[in-house]
Protein backbone atom coordinates (compact mmCIF):
# COMPACT_ATOMS: atom_id res chain seq x y z
CA UNK A 1 21.66 -28.98 44.53
CA UNK A 2 22.60 -27.00 41.48
CA UNK A 3 20.55 -24.12 39.98
CA UNK A 4 20.23 -22.86 36.44
CA UNK A 5 23.26 -20.95 35.23
CA UNK A 6 23.24 -17.63 33.42
CA UNK A 7 24.51 -19.15 30.16
CA UNK A 8 21.81 -21.81 30.19
CA UNK A 9 19.17 -19.15 30.81
CA UNK A 10 20.47 -17.02 27.92
CA UNK A 11 20.48 -20.00 25.55
CA UNK A 12 16.90 -20.91 26.50
CA UNK A 13 15.73 -17.28 26.05
CA UNK A 14 17.45 -16.99 22.66
CA UNK A 15 15.74 -20.18 21.46
CA UNK A 16 12.36 -18.87 22.60
CA UNK A 17 12.98 -15.55 20.83
CA UNK A 18 13.97 -17.28 17.58
CA UNK A 19 10.84 -19.41 17.65
CA UNK A 20 8.70 -16.37 18.50
CA UNK A 21 10.10 -14.42 15.55
CA UNK A 22 9.04 -17.20 13.17
CA UNK A 23 5.60 -17.24 14.77
CA UNK A 24 5.28 -13.46 14.45
CA UNK A 25 6.10 -13.51 10.73
CA UNK A 26 3.65 -16.35 10.15
CA UNK A 27 0.90 -14.49 12.03
CA UNK A 28 1.60 -11.28 10.09
CA UNK A 29 1.36 -13.08 6.73
CA UNK A 30 -1.85 -14.79 7.83
CA UNK A 31 -3.36 -11.45 8.93
CA UNK A 32 -2.48 -9.70 5.65
CA UNK A 33 -3.84 -12.58 3.56
CA UNK A 34 -7.07 -12.63 5.58
CA UNK A 35 -7.55 -8.86 5.18
CA UNK A 36 -7.11 -9.22 1.43
CA UNK A 37 -9.62 -12.06 1.31
CA UNK A 38 -12.15 -10.07 3.34
CA UNK A 39 -11.74 -7.04 1.06
CA UNK A 40 -12.22 -9.21 -2.04
CA UNK A 41 -15.32 -10.91 -0.64
CA UNK A 42 -16.83 -7.60 0.48
CA UNK A 43 -16.19 -5.97 -2.91
CA UNK A 44 -17.63 -8.96 -4.79
CA UNK A 45 -20.71 -8.94 -2.58
CA UNK A 46 -21.21 -5.21 -3.05
CA UNK A 47 -20.79 -5.46 -6.84
CA UNK A 48 -23.47 -8.18 -6.87
CA UNK A 49 -25.66 -6.06 -4.61
CA UNK A 50 -25.31 -3.04 -6.93
CA UNK A 51 -26.22 -5.22 -9.91
CA UNK A 52 -29.24 -6.58 -8.03
CA UNK A 53 -30.37 -3.05 -7.12
CA UNK A 54 -30.20 -2.05 -10.78
CA UNK A 55 -32.25 -5.02 -11.92
CA UNK A 56 -34.90 -4.97 -9.19
CA UNK A 57 -35.34 -1.26 -8.53
CA UNK A 58 -35.48 -0.21 -12.20
CA UNK A 59 -32.78 2.41 -11.59
CA UNK A 60 -29.14 2.50 -12.54
CA UNK A 61 -26.75 1.84 -9.65
CA UNK A 62 -22.98 2.02 -9.81
CA UNK A 63 -19.74 1.45 -8.01
CA UNK A 64 -16.59 3.55 -8.13
CA UNK A 65 -13.25 2.32 -6.78
CA UNK A 66 -10.89 5.14 -5.83
CA UNK A 67 -7.21 4.27 -5.65
CA UNK A 68 -5.95 7.43 -3.95
CA UNK A 69 -8.46 7.31 -1.10
CA UNK A 70 -8.38 3.51 -0.68
CA UNK A 71 -12.15 3.09 -0.73
CA UNK A 72 -15.06 2.43 -3.03
CA UNK A 73 -18.37 4.20 -3.42
CA UNK A 74 -21.80 2.72 -4.13
CA UNK A 75 -24.17 5.20 -5.76
CA UNK A 76 -27.51 5.52 -7.51
CA UNK A 77 -27.16 7.12 -10.92
CA UNK A 78 -30.17 9.43 -10.72
CA UNK A 79 -29.29 11.58 -13.73
CA UNK A 80 -28.39 8.47 -15.82
CA UNK A 81 -25.05 9.83 -17.03
CA UNK A 82 -23.18 6.62 -16.00
CA UNK A 83 -21.02 8.59 -13.55
CA UNK A 84 -21.00 9.50 -9.92
CA UNK A 85 -22.27 13.08 -9.74
CA UNK A 86 -19.66 15.49 -8.42
CA UNK A 87 -22.26 17.41 -6.42
CA UNK A 88 -23.07 14.48 -4.13
CA UNK A 89 -19.55 13.39 -3.23
CA UNK A 90 -17.09 15.80 -1.73
CA UNK A 91 -13.39 15.58 -2.30
CA UNK A 92 -12.86 14.06 1.13
CA UNK A 93 -15.70 11.52 1.11
CA UNK A 94 -13.43 8.50 1.43
CA UNK A 95 -11.65 9.90 4.45
CA UNK A 96 -14.40 8.55 6.71
CA UNK A 97 -13.63 5.26 8.39
CA UNK A 98 -15.96 2.32 7.99
CA UNK A 99 -19.22 2.93 6.20
CA UNK A 100 -20.61 6.42 5.74
CA UNK A 101 -24.10 6.96 4.37
CA UNK A 102 -25.16 10.25 2.85
CA UNK A 103 -28.95 10.68 3.18
CA UNK A 104 -29.37 12.92 0.12
CA UNK A 105 -31.70 10.71 -1.90
CA UNK A 106 -34.13 13.45 -2.88
CA UNK A 107 -33.96 12.73 -6.61
CA UNK A 108 -31.57 15.55 -7.45
CA UNK A 109 -28.35 14.01 -6.12
CA UNK A 110 -26.89 10.54 -6.30
CA UNK A 111 -27.30 8.35 -3.23
CA UNK A 112 -23.88 7.48 -1.89
CA UNK A 113 -22.40 4.87 0.44
CA UNK A 114 -18.66 4.90 1.03
CA UNK A 115 -16.82 1.72 2.05
CA UNK A 116 -13.22 1.95 3.24
CA UNK A 117 -10.92 -0.94 2.36
CA UNK A 118 -9.16 -2.74 5.24
CA UNK A 119 -5.79 -1.45 6.38
CA UNK A 120 -2.98 -2.80 4.24
CA UNK A 121 -5.17 -3.47 1.17
CA UNK A 122 -4.70 -1.20 -1.86
CA UNK A 123 -6.23 -0.93 -5.33
CA UNK A 124 -4.15 -0.41 -8.45
CA UNK A 125 -6.45 1.88 -10.44
CA UNK A 126 -9.60 3.98 -10.37
CA UNK A 127 -12.61 2.09 -11.76
CA UNK A 128 -16.14 3.34 -12.29
CA UNK A 129 -19.07 1.29 -13.59
CA UNK A 130 -22.85 1.50 -13.58
CA UNK A 131 -25.25 -1.41 -14.06
CA UNK A 132 -28.32 -1.02 -16.28
CA UNK A 133 -31.78 -2.58 -15.80
CA UNK A 134 -30.62 -5.85 -17.34
CA UNK A 135 -27.59 -6.11 -15.08
CA UNK A 136 -25.04 -5.27 -17.76
CA UNK A 137 -22.12 -3.08 -16.68
CA UNK A 138 -21.76 0.32 -18.33
CA UNK A 139 -18.58 2.40 -18.34
CA UNK A 140 -18.24 6.17 -17.87
CA UNK A 141 -19.56 6.90 -21.37
CA UNK A 142 -22.51 4.49 -20.99
CA UNK A 143 -21.06 1.89 -23.34
CA UNK A 144 -20.86 -1.77 -22.39
CA UNK A 145 -18.01 -1.86 -19.96
CA UNK A 146 -16.51 -4.96 -18.43
CA UNK A 147 -14.14 -4.04 -15.63
CA UNK A 148 -11.75 -5.49 -13.10
CA UNK A 149 -10.37 -4.33 -9.77
CA UNK A 150 -6.97 -5.45 -8.51
CA UNK A 151 -6.68 -5.66 -4.73
CA UNK A 152 -3.14 -5.92 -3.39
CA UNK A 153 -1.74 -6.30 0.12
CA UNK A 154 1.63 -5.12 1.39
CA UNK A 155 3.13 -8.59 0.82
CA UNK A 156 2.52 -8.29 -2.92
CA UNK A 157 -0.37 -10.77 -3.14
CA UNK A 158 -2.98 -9.73 -5.69
CA UNK A 159 -6.61 -10.81 -5.88
CA UNK A 160 -8.63 -9.64 -8.83
CA UNK A 161 -12.40 -9.05 -9.00
CA UNK A 162 -13.60 -9.27 -12.61
CA UNK A 163 -16.99 -8.30 -14.06
CA UNK A 164 -17.49 -9.41 -17.66
CA UNK A 165 -19.68 -7.65 -20.21
CA UNK A 166 -22.71 -9.74 -19.18
CA UNK A 167 -22.40 -8.70 -15.53
CA UNK A 168 -21.00 -11.99 -14.21
CA UNK A 169 -18.70 -11.44 -11.23
CA UNK A 170 -15.74 -13.72 -10.61
CA UNK A 171 -12.35 -13.66 -8.93
CA UNK A 172 -8.79 -14.45 -9.91
CA UNK A 173 -5.95 -15.05 -7.56
CA UNK A 174 -4.20 -15.05 -5.34
CA UNK A 175 -1.10 -14.26 -7.37
CA UNK A 176 2.25 -12.88 -6.23
CA UNK A 177 3.80 -9.87 -7.83
């Protein structure tokens, strides 16, 4: 009876390692693509929710995407200046993980909810928009303001969330950079 030799064992282990390395890369790409898709779907849902709040609650609601902190903020524009008030959001608001709610809705400050983007998903620019009672997006100077947000993962795949001047939300992508 003959056993398995050392060379045969090394060849079998090297084949298993080569196949495992391909599987690892495939799983990593799948994970990064799924995180990007989840971030895009969450952002699109929250933009639609903000628009719905503005139409149904007869108040202006907005969303601000912050590139440096890798998050976005949903807020009620109480003072109707089409911006997120600096008094309600500290400089480190997006440092919190997950969702952080600030219960300061007393009429003097903007109501804020901070949503952190998934790990490995980045935005390319800061975007701020407020929706009026009719659901039209307004920019920082309260003019009609269509906007778009580019979400990018570490593999270079970009998905784009676009809001046109009538408040319709759509997506573009995925595209490779």
